[in-house]
Amino acid sequence: MTPTGILEAALYVDDLDKAEAFYGEVLGLENIVRAEGRHAFFRCGEGVLLLFNAQMTSRPPAPDAPLPVPPHGARGPGHLCFRGTADEIVRLKAHLEAHGVEIETDFEWPNGGRSIYFRDPAGNSLEMAEPRIWGL
């Protein structure tokens, strides 16, 4: 059996309120679940972006927890790439710049396809790229 896709991806943040505002208000993702001080989850296309306070997810669940999710987490900046068309990349770049978000890099890959890179308030590296950079 081979997985057919990625259902969810997680990033770890140090200020959940700032991250929630960035992903919801600046990027326009739909917030679907929030647990105060622990996490905020957003719909992104057919997947879900999970934003966690890393300190909270590194703790084991209580013995009587209704959802026995094991401890997990990461420290330091992560990376996530959003899928986009050439036109969507142009529009996102202008939108981010209008919101004061610095574009770190904007380039064409040698085999075709464009990427822009920027950061969220926690320092995670975010990218929007054309799927053809991976031959998709």
N, C-alpha and C. Protein backbone atom coordinates (compact mmCIF):
# COMPACT_ATOMS: atom_id res chain seq x y z
N MET A 1 0.85 -1.18 0.00
CA MET A 1 0.00 0.00 0.00
C MET A 1 0.89 1.23 0.00
N THR A 2 0.62 2.17 -0.89
CA THR A 2 1.37 3.42 -0.98
C THR A 2 0.42 4.58 -0.71
N PRO A 3 0.78 5.51 0.19
CA PRO A 3 -0.08 6.66 0.43
C PRO A 3 -0.33 7.44 -0.86
N THR A 4 -1.51 8.01 -0.99
CA THR A 4 -1.88 8.72 -2.21
C THR A 4 -1.81 10.24 -2.07
N GLY A 5 -1.47 10.72 -0.91
CA GLY A 5 -1.37 12.16 -0.72
C GLY A 5 -1.09 12.50 0.72
N ILE A 6 -0.91 13.79 0.98
CA ILE A 6 -0.69 14.26 2.34
C ILE A 6 -1.97 14.92 2.81
N LEU A 7 -2.53 14.42 3.89
CA LEU A 7 -3.78 14.93 4.42
C LEU A 7 -3.56 16.19 5.26
N GLU A 8 -2.50 16.18 6.04
CA GLU A 8 -2.22 17.32 6.90
C GLU A 8 -0.73 17.54 7.03
N ALA A 9 -0.36 18.78 7.31
CA ALA A 9 1.03 19.14 7.57
C ALA A 9 1.03 20.05 8.79
N ALA A 10 2.08 19.96 9.60
CA ALA A 10 2.15 20.74 10.83
C ALA A 10 3.33 21.68 10.82
N LEU A 11 3.10 22.87 11.36
CA LEU A 11 4.15 23.83 11.64
C LEU A 11 4.04 24.18 13.12
N TYR A 12 5.14 24.55 13.72
CA TYR A 12 5.17 24.87 15.13
C TYR A 12 5.48 26.35 15.29
N VAL A 13 4.72 27.01 16.16
CA VAL A 13 4.80 28.45 16.31
C VAL A 13 4.98 28.81 17.78
N ASP A 14 5.54 29.99 18.02
CA ASP A 14 5.74 30.44 19.40
C ASP A 14 4.65 31.39 19.87
N ASP A 15 3.90 31.98 18.94
CA ASP A 15 2.80 32.88 19.30
C ASP A 15 1.59 32.49 18.45
N LEU A 16 0.71 31.72 19.04
CA LEU A 16 -0.44 31.18 18.32
C LEU A 16 -1.37 32.28 17.79
N ASP A 17 -1.55 33.35 18.57
CA ASP A 17 -2.42 34.44 18.12
C ASP A 17 -1.87 35.11 16.87
N LYS A 18 -0.57 35.41 16.85
CA LYS A 18 0.05 36.03 15.66
C LYS A 18 -0.03 35.09 14.46
N ALA A 19 0.25 33.82 14.70
CA ALA A 19 0.20 32.84 13.60
C ALA A 19 -1.21 32.71 13.06
N GLU A 20 -2.19 32.67 13.95
CA GLU A 20 -3.58 32.54 13.53
C GLU A 20 -4.00 33.75 12.69
N ALA A 21 -3.58 34.94 13.10
CA ALA A 21 -3.91 36.15 12.33
C ALA A 21 -3.24 36.11 10.96
N PHE A 22 -1.99 35.67 10.90
CA PHE A 22 -1.27 35.62 9.63
C PHE A 22 -1.93 34.64 8.66
N TYR A 23 -2.15 33.41 9.11
CA TYR A 23 -2.70 32.39 8.22
C TYR A 23 -4.17 32.65 7.87
N GLY A 24 -4.92 33.21 8.82
CA GLY A 24 -6.32 33.48 8.56
C GLY A 24 -6.57 34.79 7.83
N GLU A 25 -5.96 35.86 8.31
CA GLU A 25 -6.23 37.18 7.75
C GLU A 25 -5.36 37.50 6.54
N VAL A 26 -4.07 37.21 6.61
CA VAL A 26 -3.18 37.54 5.49
C VAL A 26 -3.29 36.51 4.37
N LEU A 27 -3.18 35.22 4.71
CA LEU A 27 -3.25 34.19 3.68
C LEU A 27 -4.68 33.78 3.34
N GLY A 28 -5.62 34.14 4.18
CA GLY A 28 -7.03 33.86 3.87
C GLY A 28 -7.47 32.43 4.04
N LEU A 29 -6.73 31.64 4.82
CA LEU A 29 -7.14 30.25 5.04
C LEU A 29 -8.29 30.21 6.05
N GLU A 30 -9.15 29.22 5.89
CA GLU A 30 -10.31 29.05 6.77
C GLU A 30 -9.91 28.32 8.05
N ASN A 31 -10.11 28.98 9.19
CA ASN A 31 -9.82 28.36 10.48
C ASN A 31 -10.95 27.38 10.78
N ILE A 32 -10.59 26.11 11.02
CA ILE A 32 -11.62 25.10 11.26
C ILE A 32 -11.66 24.61 12.70
N VAL A 33 -10.54 24.73 13.44
CA VAL A 33 -10.49 24.29 14.83
C VAL A 33 -9.47 25.14 15.57
N ARG A 34 -9.81 25.47 16.82
CA ARG A 34 -8.85 26.19 17.66
C ARG A 34 -8.97 25.68 19.08
N ALA A 35 -7.83 25.45 19.70
CA ALA A 35 -7.79 25.11 21.12
C ALA A 35 -6.87 26.15 21.76
N GLU A 36 -7.41 27.00 22.58
CA GLU A 36 -6.68 28.11 23.19
C GLU A 36 -5.32 27.67 23.74
N GLY A 37 -4.28 28.35 23.26
CA GLY A 37 -2.93 28.08 23.74
C GLY A 37 -2.27 26.83 23.20
N ARG A 38 -3.00 25.99 22.46
CA ARG A 38 -2.44 24.73 21.99
C ARG A 38 -2.32 24.65 20.48
N HIS A 39 -3.42 24.92 19.75
CA HIS A 39 -3.35 24.76 18.30
C HIS A 39 -4.44 25.56 17.57
N ALA A 40 -4.19 25.76 16.29
CA ALA A 40 -5.17 26.33 15.36
C ALA A 40 -5.01 25.55 14.06
N PHE A 41 -6.11 25.06 13.52
CA PHE A 41 -6.08 24.26 12.29
C PHE A 41 -6.81 25.01 11.18
N PHE A 42 -6.25 24.95 9.97
CA PHE A 42 -6.79 25.67 8.82
C PHE A 42 -7.00 24.73 7.65
N ARG A 43 -8.09 24.95 6.93
CA ARG A 43 -8.32 24.22 5.68
C ARG A 43 -7.45 24.87 4.61
N CYS A 44 -6.79 24.04 3.81
CA CYS A 44 -5.96 24.52 2.71
C CYS A 44 -6.18 23.57 1.53
N GLY A 45 -7.05 23.96 0.60
CA GLY A 45 -7.38 23.07 -0.50
C GLY A 45 -8.01 21.81 0.03
N GLU A 46 -7.46 20.66 -0.36
CA GLU A 46 -7.98 19.37 0.09
C GLU A 46 -7.28 18.89 1.36
N GLY A 47 -6.38 19.69 1.90
CA GLY A 47 -5.65 19.29 3.10
C GLY A 47 -5.90 20.24 4.26
N VAL A 48 -5.19 19.99 5.34
CA VAL A 48 -5.32 20.78 6.55
C VAL A 48 -3.93 21.17 7.03
N LEU A 49 -3.79 22.44 7.39
CA LEU A 49 -2.55 22.95 7.97
C LEU A 49 -2.76 23.03 9.47
N LEU A 50 -1.91 22.35 10.21
CA LEU A 50 -1.97 22.33 11.67
C LEU A 50 -0.89 23.26 12.21
N LEU A 51 -1.28 24.22 13.02
CA LEU A 51 -0.33 25.10 13.70
C LEU A 51 -0.36 24.76 15.18
N PHE A 52 0.78 24.38 15.72
CA PHE A 52 0.85 23.97 17.12
C PHE A 52 1.80 24.84 17.92
N ASN A 53 1.45 25.04 19.17
CA ASN A 53 2.37 25.54 20.17
C ASN A 53 3.20 24.32 20.55
N ALA A 54 4.48 24.32 20.16
CA ALA A 54 5.32 23.12 20.34
C ALA A 54 5.41 22.65 21.79
N GLN A 55 5.43 23.58 22.74
CA GLN A 55 5.52 23.19 24.15
C GLN A 55 4.31 22.36 24.57
N MET A 56 3.16 22.69 24.05
CA MET A 56 1.94 21.98 24.44
C MET A 56 1.84 20.59 23.80
N THR A 57 2.35 20.42 22.58
CA THR A 57 2.22 19.12 21.92
C THR A 57 3.31 18.14 22.33
N SER A 58 4.31 18.62 23.05
CA SER A 58 5.37 17.69 23.49
C SER A 58 4.97 16.94 24.75
N ARG A 59 3.85 17.31 25.34
CA ARG A 59 3.38 16.65 26.56
C ARG A 59 2.52 15.43 26.21
N PRO A 60 2.66 14.34 26.95
CA PRO A 60 1.79 13.18 26.69
C PRO A 60 0.35 13.51 27.07
N PRO A 61 -0.61 12.83 26.45
CA PRO A 61 -2.01 13.08 26.80
C PRO A 61 -2.31 12.58 28.21
N ALA A 62 -3.30 13.20 28.82
CA ALA A 62 -3.75 12.75 30.14
C ALA A 62 -4.30 11.33 30.02
N PRO A 63 -4.20 10.54 31.06
CA PRO A 63 -4.71 9.16 30.99
C PRO A 63 -6.18 9.06 30.58
N ASP A 64 -6.98 10.08 30.91
CA ASP A 64 -8.40 10.05 30.58
C ASP A 64 -8.73 10.90 29.34
N ALA A 65 -7.72 11.27 28.56
CA ALA A 65 -7.94 12.12 27.38
C ALA A 65 -8.83 11.41 26.37
N PRO A 66 -9.81 12.12 25.78
CA PRO A 66 -10.70 11.49 24.81
C PRO A 66 -9.98 11.16 23.49
N LEU A 67 -8.93 11.91 23.17
CA LEU A 67 -8.14 11.66 21.96
C LEU A 67 -6.69 11.41 22.38
N PRO A 68 -6.26 10.17 22.38
CA PRO A 68 -4.92 9.83 22.88
C PRO A 68 -3.80 10.08 21.86
N VAL A 69 -3.72 11.31 21.34
CA VAL A 69 -2.67 11.65 20.36
C VAL A 69 -1.33 11.66 21.08
N PRO A 70 -0.34 10.92 20.58
CA PRO A 70 0.96 10.87 21.25
C PRO A 70 1.70 12.20 21.14
N PRO A 71 2.66 12.43 22.02
CA PRO A 71 3.45 13.66 21.96
C PRO A 71 4.18 13.76 20.61
N HIS A 72 4.30 14.98 20.12
CA HIS A 72 5.05 15.24 18.91
C HIS A 72 5.42 16.71 18.90
N GLY A 73 6.26 17.09 17.96
CA GLY A 73 6.63 18.50 17.86
C GLY A 73 8.01 18.66 17.30
N ALA A 74 8.34 19.91 17.07
CA ALA A 74 9.64 20.26 16.52
C ALA A 74 10.04 21.61 17.09
N ARG A 75 11.30 21.90 17.01
CA ARG A 75 11.82 23.20 17.44
C ARG A 75 12.51 23.84 16.25
N GLY A 76 12.41 25.14 16.18
CA GLY A 76 13.05 25.87 15.09
C GLY A 76 12.14 25.96 13.88
N PRO A 77 12.55 26.76 12.90
CA PRO A 77 11.71 26.98 11.73
C PRO A 77 11.53 25.72 10.88
N GLY A 78 10.33 25.56 10.37
CA GLY A 78 10.02 24.49 9.44
C GLY A 78 9.80 25.08 8.05
N HIS A 79 9.32 24.24 7.15
CA HIS A 79 9.07 24.68 5.78
C HIS A 79 7.77 24.06 5.28
N LEU A 80 7.03 24.86 4.52
CA LEU A 80 5.81 24.40 3.89
C LEU A 80 5.69 25.11 2.55
N CYS A 81 5.32 24.35 1.53
CA CYS A 81 5.15 24.93 0.20
C CYS A 81 3.69 24.80 -0.22
N PHE A 82 3.08 25.96 -0.54
CA PHE A 82 1.73 25.98 -1.06
C PHE A 82 1.78 25.81 -2.58
N ARG A 83 0.82 25.12 -3.13
CA ARG A 83 0.70 24.90 -4.56
C ARG A 83 -0.01 26.11 -5.17
N GLY A 84 0.49 26.60 -6.32
CA GLY A 84 -0.17 27.71 -6.98
C GLY A 84 0.16 27.79 -8.46
N THR A 85 -0.72 28.41 -9.21
CA THR A 85 -0.46 28.67 -10.63
C THR A 85 0.44 29.89 -10.74
N ALA A 86 0.96 30.14 -11.93
CA ALA A 86 1.80 31.32 -12.15
C ALA A 86 1.04 32.58 -11.79
N ASP A 87 -0.23 32.67 -12.17
CA ASP A 87 -1.05 33.84 -11.86
C ASP A 87 -1.29 33.97 -10.36
N GLU A 88 -1.54 32.86 -9.68
CA GLU A 88 -1.76 32.91 -8.23
C GLU A 88 -0.49 33.37 -7.50
N ILE A 89 0.66 32.98 -8.01
CA ILE A 89 1.92 33.41 -7.40
C ILE A 89 2.08 34.92 -7.54
N VAL A 90 1.78 35.46 -8.71
CA VAL A 90 1.86 36.91 -8.93
C VAL A 90 0.92 37.63 -7.95
N ARG A 91 -0.31 37.14 -7.86
CA ARG A 91 -1.29 37.77 -6.97
C ARG A 91 -0.90 37.66 -5.50
N LEU A 92 -0.40 36.49 -5.08
CA LEU A 92 0.00 36.32 -3.69
C LEU A 92 1.18 37.23 -3.36
N LYS A 93 2.13 37.32 -4.26
CA LYS A 93 3.30 38.18 -4.01
C LYS A 93 2.85 39.62 -3.77
N ALA A 94 1.99 40.15 -4.62
CA ALA A 94 1.48 41.52 -4.45
C ALA A 94 0.71 41.66 -3.14
N HIS A 95 -0.10 40.66 -2.83
CA HIS A 95 -0.90 40.67 -1.60
C HIS A 95 0.00 40.68 -0.36
N LEU A 96 1.02 39.82 -0.36
CA LEU A 96 1.93 39.77 0.78
C LEU A 96 2.68 41.08 0.95
N GLU A 97 3.18 41.63 -0.15
CA GLU A 97 3.91 42.90 -0.08
C GLU A 97 3.00 44.02 0.44
N ALA A 98 1.73 44.00 0.04
CA ALA A 98 0.78 45.01 0.52
C ALA A 98 0.54 44.88 2.03
N HIS A 99 0.76 43.68 2.58
CA HIS A 99 0.62 43.44 4.01
C HIS A 99 1.97 43.53 4.75
N GLY A 100 2.99 44.01 4.07
CA GLY A 100 4.30 44.20 4.71
C GLY A 100 5.10 42.93 4.90
N VAL A 101 4.74 41.87 4.19
CA VAL A 101 5.47 40.60 4.29
C VAL A 101 6.59 40.61 3.24
N GLU A 102 7.82 40.44 3.69
CA GLU A 102 8.97 40.45 2.80
C GLU A 102 9.03 39.18 1.96
N ILE A 103 9.27 39.34 0.68
CA ILE A 103 9.51 38.20 -0.21
C ILE A 103 11.02 37.96 -0.18
N GLU A 104 11.43 36.82 0.35
CA GLU A 104 12.87 36.52 0.47
C GLU A 104 13.49 36.16 -0.87
N THR A 105 12.77 35.40 -1.66
CA THR A 105 13.29 34.93 -2.94
C THR A 105 12.14 34.76 -3.91
N ASP A 106 12.41 35.06 -5.17
CA ASP A 106 11.43 34.89 -6.26
C ASP A 106 12.25 34.46 -7.46
N PHE A 107 12.06 33.21 -7.91
CA PHE A 107 12.87 32.74 -9.04
C PHE A 107 12.17 31.65 -9.83
N GLU A 108 12.71 31.41 -11.00
CA GLU A 108 12.28 30.32 -11.89
C GLU A 108 13.25 29.16 -11.70
N TRP A 109 12.70 27.95 -11.55
CA TRP A 109 13.53 26.76 -11.42
C TRP A 109 14.12 26.39 -12.78
N PRO A 110 15.31 25.79 -12.81
CA PRO A 110 15.96 25.45 -14.10
C PRO A 110 15.08 24.57 -15.00
N ASN A 111 14.29 23.67 -14.42
CA ASN A 111 13.45 22.78 -15.22
C ASN A 111 12.04 23.34 -15.43
N GLY A 112 11.81 24.59 -15.02
CA GLY A 112 10.52 25.22 -15.20
C GLY A 112 9.75 25.34 -13.91
N GLY A 113 8.98 26.41 -13.80
CA GLY A 113 8.17 26.64 -12.61
C GLY A 113 8.77 27.73 -11.74
N ARG A 114 7.91 28.50 -11.15
CA ARG A 114 8.31 29.63 -10.32
C ARG A 114 8.02 29.35 -8.86
N SER A 115 8.85 29.92 -7.98
CA SER A 115 8.65 29.86 -6.52
C SER A 115 8.86 31.23 -5.93
N ILE A 116 8.07 31.55 -4.92
CA ILE A 116 8.37 32.68 -4.05
C ILE A 116 8.48 32.14 -2.63
N TYR A 117 9.39 32.73 -1.87
CA TYR A 117 9.61 32.33 -0.48
C TYR A 117 9.37 33.53 0.43
N PHE A 118 8.74 33.27 1.58
CA PHE A 118 8.49 34.29 2.59
C PHE A 118 8.39 33.59 3.94
N ARG A 119 8.24 34.34 5.01
CA ARG A 119 8.20 33.74 6.36
C ARG A 119 6.94 34.14 7.10
N ASP A 120 6.50 33.23 7.98
CA ASP A 120 5.38 33.56 8.86
C ASP A 120 5.94 34.24 10.11
N PRO A 121 5.08 34.73 11.02
CA PRO A 121 5.58 35.43 12.21
C PRO A 121 6.49 34.59 13.11
N ALA A 122 6.40 33.27 13.03
CA ALA A 122 7.26 32.40 13.85
C ALA A 122 8.59 32.10 13.17
N GLY A 123 8.79 32.57 11.94
CA GLY A 123 10.03 32.32 11.22
C GLY A 123 10.01 31.09 10.34
N ASN A 124 8.86 30.41 10.23
CA ASN A 124 8.77 29.27 9.33
C ASN A 124 8.92 29.74 7.89
N SER A 125 9.65 28.97 7.10
CA SER A 125 9.86 29.28 5.69
C SER A 125 8.66 28.78 4.90
N LEU A 126 7.99 29.72 4.21
CA LEU A 126 6.84 29.38 3.40
C LEU A 126 7.17 29.65 1.94
N GLU A 127 6.57 28.86 1.09
CA GLU A 127 6.82 28.97 -0.34
C GLU A 127 5.49 28.78 -1.06
N MET A 128 5.33 29.43 -2.18
CA MET A 128 4.27 29.08 -3.11
C MET A 128 4.98 28.78 -4.42
N ALA A 129 4.66 27.63 -5.00
CA ALA A 129 5.34 27.20 -6.22
C ALA A 129 4.36 26.55 -7.18
N GLU A 130 4.75 26.59 -8.43
CA GLU A 130 3.99 25.86 -9.44
C GLU A 130 4.30 24.38 -9.29
N PRO A 131 3.29 23.51 -9.36
CA PRO A 131 3.53 22.08 -9.20
C PRO A 131 4.53 21.50 -10.19
N ARG A 132 4.71 22.16 -11.32
CA ARG A 132 5.64 21.61 -12.31
C ARG A 132 7.09 21.59 -11.84
N ILE A 133 7.40 22.27 -10.73
CA ILE A 133 8.78 22.16 -10.23
C ILE A 133 9.09 20.71 -9.84
N TRP A 134 8.03 19.94 -9.56
CA TRP A 134 8.17 18.52 -9.21
C TRP A 134 7.64 17.63 -10.34
N GLY A 135 7.42 18.20 -11.48
CA GLY A 135 6.93 17.39 -12.61
C GLY A 135 5.47 17.03 -12.47
N LEU A 136 4.71 17.79 -11.72
CA LEU A 136 3.28 17.51 -11.51
C LEU A 136 2.43 18.41 -12.37
